[in-house]
């Protein structure tokens, strides 16, 4: 997905850092993604629609501007039909479909991958719901929950994005808003991943803002 925020530095960070499938039931949904449960063999779908910042990608990934949408959609449909329960392939087909404007078909795929604990799908789905991007329905509180899941699984864009969007007021109407302590914990974990110059600057700025909100110890 294209990761855009209202803050220029956040934009730099999140840009460097961002056939229907029956969704998994809540009872069966895992809390953490285990790649060993799914094939890691690179497919044409991986080569055509993998995302470079996906922690569990197989292959180098393809920038949004370089995705050949008709080819990516066709190859991912074929590969997913052979391995219908693979959340990586579900996410990648959902990615290509969303870029192509086919959001109604993309969302169930992304939901299924997210319920199978695929961190990239959790983050992207939250990003779509945050402001109703690409004609997805807007649901900021659902986005918050998805970002939390992805952040817990060390998806850096979610760890940083949670703080950005909380400070921007995106979750103001949600019942269970993240606390400064929770957000600072995620930022510490993001820094441990050695994010690079611009994300490091953003993390420092966010920590200062959250430290001020938390008050003296």
C-alpha atoms as a PDB file:
ATOM      1  CA  UNK A   1       0.000   0.000   0.000  1.00  0.00           C
ATOM      2  CA  UNK A   2       1.012   3.632  -0.283  1.00  0.00           C
ATOM      3  CA  UNK A   3       1.764   4.943   3.195  1.00  0.00           C
ATOM      4  CA  UNK A   4       0.825   8.623   3.445  1.00  0.00           C
ATOM      5  CA  UNK A   5       0.384  10.701   6.562  1.00  0.00           C
ATOM      6  CA  UNK A   6      -0.130  14.399   7.194  1.00  0.00           C
ATOM      7  CA  UNK A   7       3.377  14.699   8.694  1.00  0.00           C
ATOM      8  CA  UNK A   8       6.213  14.911   6.091  1.00  0.00           C
ATOM      9  CA  UNK A   9       8.676  13.073   8.334  1.00  0.00           C
ATOM     10  CA  UNK A  10       6.084  10.397   9.078  1.00  0.00           C
ATOM     11  CA  UNK A  11       5.564  10.017   5.334  1.00  0.00           C
ATOM     12  CA  UNK A  12       9.272   9.330   4.838  1.00  0.00           C
ATOM     13  CA  UNK A  13       9.276   6.822   7.664  1.00  0.00           C
ATOM     14  CA  UNK A  14       6.163   4.880   6.754  1.00  0.00           C
ATOM     15  CA  UNK A  15       7.016   4.840   3.067  1.00  0.00           C
ATOM     16  CA  UNK A  16      10.412   3.339   3.841  1.00  0.00           C
ATOM     17  CA  UNK A  17       9.641   1.374   7.045  1.00  0.00           C
ATOM     18  CA  UNK A  18       4.417   0.429   4.278  1.00  0.00           C
ATOM     19  CA  UNK A  19     -10.954 -15.441  -5.743  1.00  0.00           C
ATOM     20  CA  UNK A  20     -12.550 -14.809  -2.256  1.00  0.00           C
ATOM     21  CA  UNK A  21     -11.150 -16.723   0.679  1.00  0.00           C
ATOM     22  CA  UNK A  22     -13.231 -17.634   3.708  1.00  0.00           C
ATOM     23  CA  UNK A  23     -11.878 -15.774   6.760  1.00  0.00           C
ATOM     24  CA  UNK A  24     -10.461 -17.728   9.672  1.00  0.00           C
ATOM     25  CA  UNK A  25     -12.719 -17.956  12.694  1.00  0.00           C
ATOM     26  CA  UNK A  26     -11.944 -15.893  15.773  1.00  0.00           C
ATOM     27  CA  UNK A  27     -11.481 -19.112  17.751  1.00  0.00           C
ATOM     28  CA  UNK A  28      -8.864 -20.449  15.326  1.00  0.00           C
ATOM     29  CA  UNK A  29      -7.064 -17.165  14.730  1.00  0.00           C
ATOM     30  CA  UNK A  30      -3.439 -17.337  15.908  1.00  0.00           C
ATOM     31  CA  UNK A  31      -1.963 -14.545  18.007  1.00  0.00           C
ATOM     32  CA  UNK A  32       1.381 -14.549  16.198  1.00  0.00           C
ATOM     33  CA  UNK A  33       2.338 -15.474  12.671  1.00  0.00           C
ATOM     34  CA  UNK A  34       4.381 -18.644  12.228  1.00  0.00           C
ATOM     35  CA  UNK A  35       5.889 -18.820   8.716  1.00  0.00           C
ATOM     36  CA  UNK A  36       6.713 -22.484   9.209  1.00  0.00           C
ATOM     37  CA  UNK A  37       2.996 -23.271   8.947  1.00  0.00           C
ATOM     38  CA  UNK A  38       2.909 -22.129   5.313  1.00  0.00           C
ATOM     39  CA  UNK A  39       4.910 -22.728   2.160  1.00  0.00           C
ATOM     40  CA  UNK A  40       7.914 -20.438   1.799  1.00  0.00           C
ATOM     41  CA  UNK A  41       8.552 -21.403  -1.823  1.00  0.00           C
ATOM     42  CA  UNK A  42       8.582 -18.324  -4.051  1.00  0.00           C
ATOM     43  CA  UNK A  43       5.674 -18.219  -6.497  1.00  0.00           C
ATOM     44  CA  UNK A  44       4.849 -16.018  -9.474  1.00  0.00           C
ATOM     45  CA  UNK A  45       2.538 -14.148  -7.095  1.00  0.00           C
ATOM     46  CA  UNK A  46       5.506 -13.374  -4.824  1.00  0.00           C
ATOM     47  CA  UNK A  47       7.490 -12.117  -7.794  1.00  0.00           C
ATOM     48  CA  UNK A  48       4.638  -9.987  -9.118  1.00  0.00           C
ATOM     49  CA  UNK A  49       2.953  -8.648  -5.958  1.00  0.00           C
ATOM     50  CA  UNK A  50       5.252  -9.049  -2.953  1.00  0.00           C
ATOM     51  CA  UNK A  51       5.852  -5.900  -0.891  1.00  0.00           C
ATOM     52  CA  UNK A  52       9.453  -4.883  -0.201  1.00  0.00           C
ATOM     53  CA  UNK A  53       8.691  -3.953   3.428  1.00  0.00           C
ATOM     54  CA  UNK A  54       6.744  -7.128   4.226  1.00  0.00           C
ATOM     55  CA  UNK A  55       8.721  -8.876   7.006  1.00  0.00           C
ATOM     56  CA  UNK A  56       7.667 -12.286   5.658  1.00  0.00           C
ATOM     57  CA  UNK A  57       8.010 -11.638   1.936  1.00  0.00           C
ATOM     58  CA  UNK A  58       9.570 -14.316  -0.277  1.00  0.00           C
ATOM     59  CA  UNK A  59      11.728 -12.444  -2.753  1.00  0.00           C
ATOM     60  CA  UNK A  60      12.736  -8.795  -3.069  1.00  0.00           C
ATOM     61  CA  UNK A  61       9.263  -7.270  -3.404  1.00  0.00           C
ATOM     62  CA  UNK A  62       7.843  -4.912  -6.015  1.00  0.00           C
ATOM     63  CA  UNK A  63       7.191  -1.156  -5.572  1.00  0.00           C
ATOM     64  CA  UNK A  64       3.593  -0.070  -6.146  1.00  0.00           C
ATOM     65  CA  UNK A  65       4.563   1.831  -9.294  1.00  0.00           C
ATOM     66  CA  UNK A  66       6.146  -1.296 -10.795  1.00  0.00           C
ATOM     67  CA  UNK A  67       3.294  -3.734 -10.130  1.00  0.00           C
ATOM     68  CA  UNK A  68       1.805  -5.010 -13.394  1.00  0.00           C
ATOM     69  CA  UNK A  69      -1.739  -5.191 -12.038  1.00  0.00           C
ATOM     70  CA  UNK A  70      -3.399  -7.495 -14.608  1.00  0.00           C
ATOM     71  CA  UNK A  71      -0.451  -9.902 -14.466  1.00  0.00           C
ATOM     72  CA  UNK A  72      -0.164  -9.743 -10.674  1.00  0.00           C
ATOM     73  CA  UNK A  73      -3.876 -10.392 -10.176  1.00  0.00           C
ATOM     74  CA  UNK A  74      -3.919 -13.283 -12.647  1.00  0.00           C
ATOM     75  CA  UNK A  75      -0.822 -15.000 -11.246  1.00  0.00           C
ATOM     76  CA  UNK A  76      -1.894 -14.519  -7.641  1.00  0.00           C
ATOM     77  CA  UNK A  77      -5.313 -16.012  -8.375  1.00  0.00           C
ATOM     78  CA  UNK A  78      -3.622 -19.107  -9.800  1.00  0.00           C
ATOM     79  CA  UNK A  79      -1.130 -19.455  -6.956  1.00  0.00           C
ATOM     80  CA  UNK A  80      -3.720 -18.842  -4.255  1.00  0.00           C
ATOM     81  CA  UNK A  81      -5.999 -21.475  -5.761  1.00  0.00           C
ATOM     82  CA  UNK A  82      -3.154 -23.965  -5.237  1.00  0.00           C
ATOM     83  CA  UNK A  83      -2.488 -22.836  -1.646  1.00  0.00           C
ATOM     84  CA  UNK A  84      -5.717 -21.228  -0.459  1.00  0.00           C
ATOM     85  CA  UNK A  85      -4.756 -21.023   3.211  1.00  0.00           C
ATOM     86  CA  UNK A  86      -1.507 -19.132   2.696  1.00  0.00           C
ATOM     87  CA  UNK A  87      -1.935 -15.639   4.193  1.00  0.00           C
ATOM     88  CA  UNK A  88       1.053 -14.256   2.281  1.00  0.00           C
ATOM     89  CA  UNK A  89      -0.641 -15.041  -1.023  1.00  0.00           C
ATOM     90  CA  UNK A  90      -3.974 -13.742   0.292  1.00  0.00           C
ATOM     91  CA  UNK A  91      -2.318 -10.457   1.223  1.00  0.00           C
ATOM     92  CA  UNK A  92      -0.527 -10.146  -2.112  1.00  0.00           C
ATOM     93  CA  UNK A  93      -3.657 -10.735  -4.160  1.00  0.00           C
ATOM     94  CA  UNK A  94      -5.475  -8.270  -1.903  1.00  0.00           C
ATOM     95  CA  UNK A  95      -2.683  -5.766  -2.477  1.00  0.00           C
ATOM     96  CA  UNK A  96      -2.914  -6.022  -6.263  1.00  0.00           C
ATOM     97  CA  UNK A  97      -6.718  -5.890  -6.246  1.00  0.00           C
ATOM     98  CA  UNK A  98      -6.768  -2.801  -4.028  1.00  0.00           C
ATOM     99  CA  UNK A  99      -4.351  -1.002  -6.331  1.00  0.00           C
ATOM    100  CA  UNK A 100      -6.637  -1.920  -9.212  1.00  0.00           C
ATOM    101  CA  UNK A 101      -9.633  -0.343  -7.452  1.00  0.00           C
ATOM    102  CA  UNK A 102     -11.286  -3.685  -6.676  1.00  0.00           C
ATOM    103  CA  UNK A 103     -11.546  -3.018  -2.963  1.00  0.00           C
ATOM    104  CA  UNK A 104     -14.669  -5.130  -2.390  1.00  0.00           C
ATOM    105  CA  UNK A 105     -12.768  -8.230  -3.457  1.00  0.00           C
ATOM    106  CA  UNK A 106      -9.538  -7.143  -1.799  1.00  0.00           C
ATOM    107  CA  UNK A 107     -10.911  -6.600   1.718  1.00  0.00           C
ATOM    108  CA  UNK A 108     -11.999 -10.219   2.442  1.00  0.00           C
ATOM    109  CA  UNK A 109      -8.567 -11.423   1.367  1.00  0.00           C
ATOM    110  CA  UNK A 110      -6.797  -8.905   3.582  1.00  0.00           C
ATOM    111  CA  UNK A 111      -9.169  -9.714   6.466  1.00  0.00           C
ATOM    112  CA  UNK A 112      -8.440 -13.408   6.116  1.00  0.00           C
ATOM    113  CA  UNK A 113      -4.678 -12.833   6.075  1.00  0.00           C
ATOM    114  CA  UNK A 114      -4.952 -10.514   9.091  1.00  0.00           C
ATOM    115  CA  UNK A 115      -6.947 -13.103  11.049  1.00  0.00           C
ATOM    116  CA  UNK A 116      -4.204 -15.596  10.268  1.00  0.00           C
ATOM    117  CA  UNK A 117      -1.884 -13.124  12.036  1.00  0.00           C
ATOM    118  CA  UNK A 118      -0.018 -11.962   8.933  1.00  0.00           C
ATOM    119  CA  UNK A 119       1.569  -8.699  10.164  1.00  0.00           C
ATOM    120  CA  UNK A 120       1.732  -6.947   6.805  1.00  0.00           C
ATOM    121  CA  UNK A 121      -1.969  -7.612   6.196  1.00  0.00           C
ATOM    122  CA  UNK A 122      -2.816  -6.360   9.694  1.00  0.00           C
ATOM    123  CA  UNK A 123      -0.947  -3.108   9.097  1.00  0.00           C
ATOM    124  CA  UNK A 124      -2.279  -2.530   5.571  1.00  0.00           C
ATOM    125  CA  UNK A 125      -5.857  -3.321   6.529  1.00  0.00           C
ATOM    126  CA  UNK A 126      -5.596  -0.898   9.433  1.00  0.00           C
ATOM    127  CA  UNK A 127      -4.170   1.729   7.098  1.00  0.00           C
ATOM    128  CA  UNK A 128      -7.122   1.296   4.728  1.00  0.00           C
ATOM    129  CA  UNK A 129      -9.690   1.558   7.530  1.00  0.00           C
ATOM    130  CA  UNK A 130      -7.941   4.498   9.220  1.00  0.00           C
ATOM    131  CA  UNK A 131      -9.327   7.098   6.819  1.00  0.00           C
ATOM    132  CA  UNK A 132     -11.292   4.982   4.338  1.00  0.00           C
ATOM    133  CA  UNK A 133      -8.451   4.861   1.833  1.00  0.00           C
ATOM    134  CA  UNK A 134      -8.972   3.353  -1.611  1.00  0.00           C
ATOM    135  CA  UNK A 135     -12.741   3.413  -0.929  1.00  0.00           C
ATOM    136  CA  UNK A 136     -12.507   1.059   2.045  1.00  0.00           C
ATOM    137  CA  UNK A 137     -14.989   1.802   4.861  1.00  0.00           C
ATOM    138  CA  UNK A 138     -13.594   4.107   7.526  1.00  0.00           C
ATOM    139  CA  UNK A 139     -13.315   2.497  10.961  1.00  0.00           C
ATOM    140  CA  UNK A 140     -10.594   4.082  13.078  1.00  0.00           C
ATOM    141  CA  UNK A 141     -11.163   1.913  16.133  1.00  0.00           C
ATOM    142  CA  UNK A 142     -10.873  -1.246  14.049  1.00  0.00           C
ATOM    143  CA  UNK A 143      -7.713   0.247  12.550  1.00  0.00           C
ATOM    144  CA  UNK A 144      -6.350   0.785  16.052  1.00  0.00           C
ATOM    145  CA  UNK A 145      -6.828  -2.872  16.911  1.00  0.00           C
ATOM    146  CA  UNK A 146      -5.118  -3.995  13.721  1.00  0.00           C
ATOM    147  CA  UNK A 147      -2.191  -1.639  14.254  1.00  0.00           C
ATOM    148  CA  UNK A 148      -1.773  -2.984  17.783  1.00  0.00           C
ATOM    149  CA  UNK A 149      -1.656  -6.544  16.477  1.00  0.00           C
ATOM    150  CA  UNK A 150       0.929  -5.656  13.839  1.00  0.00           C
ATOM    151  CA  UNK A 151       3.006  -3.588  16.282  1.00  0.00           C
ATOM    152  CA  UNK A 152       3.086  -6.470  18.762  1.00  0.00           C
ATOM    153  CA  UNK A 153       4.495  -8.584  15.935  1.00  0.00           C
ATOM    154  CA  UNK A 154       7.282  -6.045  15.377  1.00  0.00           C
ATOM    155  CA  UNK A 155       5.913  -4.436  12.190  1.00  0.00           C
ATOM    156  CA  UNK A 156       7.853  -1.203  12.401  1.00  0.00           C
ATOM    157  CA  UNK A 157       5.387   0.914  10.411  1.00  0.00           C
ATOM    158  CA  UNK A 158       2.667  -0.038  12.903  1.00  0.00           C
ATOM    159  CA  UNK A 159       4.903   0.617  15.917  1.00  0.00           C
ATOM    160  CA  UNK A 160       5.647   4.133  14.676  1.00  0.00           C
ATOM    161  CA  UNK A 161       2.266   4.771  13.069  1.00  0.00           C
ATOM    162  CA  UNK A 162       0.384   4.072  16.291  1.00  0.00           C
ATOM    163  CA  UNK A 163       2.144   6.984  17.966  1.00  0.00           C
ATOM    164  CA  UNK A 164       1.765   9.285  14.932  1.00  0.00           C
ATOM    165  CA  UNK A 165      -1.957   8.695  14.589  1.00  0.00           C
ATOM    166  CA  UNK A 166      -2.679   8.745  18.332  1.00  0.00           C
ATOM    167  CA  UNK A 167      -0.991  12.134  18.643  1.00  0.00           C
ATOM    168  CA  UNK A 168      -2.889  13.322  15.552  1.00  0.00           C
ATOM    169  CA  UNK A 169      -6.175  12.432  17.284  1.00  0.00           C
ATOM    170  CA  UNK A 170      -7.220   9.613  14.964  1.00  0.00           C
ATOM    171  CA  UNK A 171      -8.239   7.352  17.865  1.00  0.00           C
ATOM    172  CA  UNK A 172      -9.905  10.019  20.014  1.00  0.00           C
ATOM    173  CA  UNK A 173     -13.313   8.328  19.830  1.00  0.00           C
ATOM    174  CA  UNK A 174     -12.043   4.824  20.575  1.00  0.00           C
ATOM    175  CA  UNK A 175     -12.762   3.353  23.998  1.00  0.00           C
ATOM    176  CA  UNK A 176      -9.363   1.746  24.555  1.00  0.00           C
ATOM    177  CA  UNK A 177      -6.853   4.335  23.399  1.00  0.00           C
ATOM    178  CA  UNK A 178      -3.137   3.544  23.605  1.00  0.00           C
ATOM    179  CA  UNK A 179      -1.360   5.104  26.572  1.00  0.00           C
ATOM    180  CA  UNK A 180       1.938   7.006  26.286  1.00  0.00           C
ATOM    181  CA  UNK A 181       3.629   4.077  28.045  1.00  0.00           C
ATOM    182  CA  UNK A 182       2.304   1.600  25.466  1.00  0.00           C
ATOM    183  CA  UNK A 183       3.377   3.799  22.576  1.00  0.00           C
ATOM    184  CA  UNK A 184       6.819   4.421  24.038  1.00  0.00           C
ATOM    185  CA  UNK A 185       7.303   0.676  24.402  1.00  0.00           C
ATOM    186  CA  UNK A 186       6.528   0.177  20.699  1.00  0.00           C
ATOM    187  CA  UNK A 187       8.879   3.002  19.728  1.00  0.00           C
ATOM    188  CA  UNK A 188      11.682   1.439  21.753  1.00  0.00           C
ATOM    189  CA  UNK A 189      11.080  -1.836  19.917  1.00  0.00           C
ATOM    190  CA  UNK A 190      11.086  -0.011  16.575  1.00  0.00           C
ATOM    191  CA  UNK A 191      14.422   1.650  17.372  1.00  0.00           C
ATOM    192  CA  UNK A 192      15.900  -1.751  18.204  1.00  0.00           C
ATOM    193  CA  UNK A 193      15.273  -2.760  14.590  1.00  0.00           C
ATOM    194  CA  UNK A 194      17.779  -0.094  13.408  1.00  0.00           C
ATOM    195  CA  UNK A 195      15.245   1.763  11.247  1.00  0.00           C
ATOM    196  CA  UNK A 196      17.538   4.231   9.479  1.00  0.00           C
ATOM    197  CA  UNK A 197      18.078   7.975   9.639  1.00  0.00           C
ATOM    198  CA  UNK A 198      14.599   9.436   8.993  1.00  0.00           C
ATOM    199  CA  UNK A 199      12.603   6.897  11.013  1.00  0.00           C
ATOM    200  CA  UNK A 200      15.109   7.373  13.855  1.00  0.00           C
ATOM    201  CA  UNK A 201      14.469  11.124  13.762  1.00  0.00           C
ATOM    202  CA  UNK A 202      10.733  10.553  13.827  1.00  0.00           C
ATOM    203  CA  UNK A 203      10.993   8.108  16.722  1.00  0.00           C
ATOM    204  CA  UNK A 204      12.959  10.665  18.726  1.00  0.00           C
ATOM    205  CA  UNK A 205      10.393  13.392  18.021  1.00  0.00           C
ATOM    206  CA  UNK A 206       7.511  11.100  18.989  1.00  0.00           C
ATOM    207  CA  UNK A 207       9.264  10.050  22.190  1.00  0.00           C
ATOM    208  CA  UNK A 208       9.674  13.684  23.197  1.00  0.00           C
ATOM    209  CA  UNK A 209       5.987  14.410  22.572  1.00  0.00           C
ATOM    210  CA  UNK A 210       4.851  11.315  24.438  1.00  0.00           C
ATOM    211  CA  UNK A 211       7.260  11.959  27.300  1.00  0.00           C
ATOM    212  CA  UNK A 212       5.749  15.416  27.729  1.00  0.00           C
ATOM    213  CA  UNK A 213       2.246  13.928  27.785  1.00  0.00           C
ATOM    214  CA  UNK A 214       3.265  11.294  30.319  1.00  0.00           C
ATOM    215  CA  UNK A 215       4.545  13.993  32.660  1.00  0.00           C
ATOM    216  CA  UNK A 216       7.349  13.729  35.220  1.00  0.00           C
ATOM    217  CA  UNK A 217       8.183  10.322  36.653  1.00  0.00           C
END
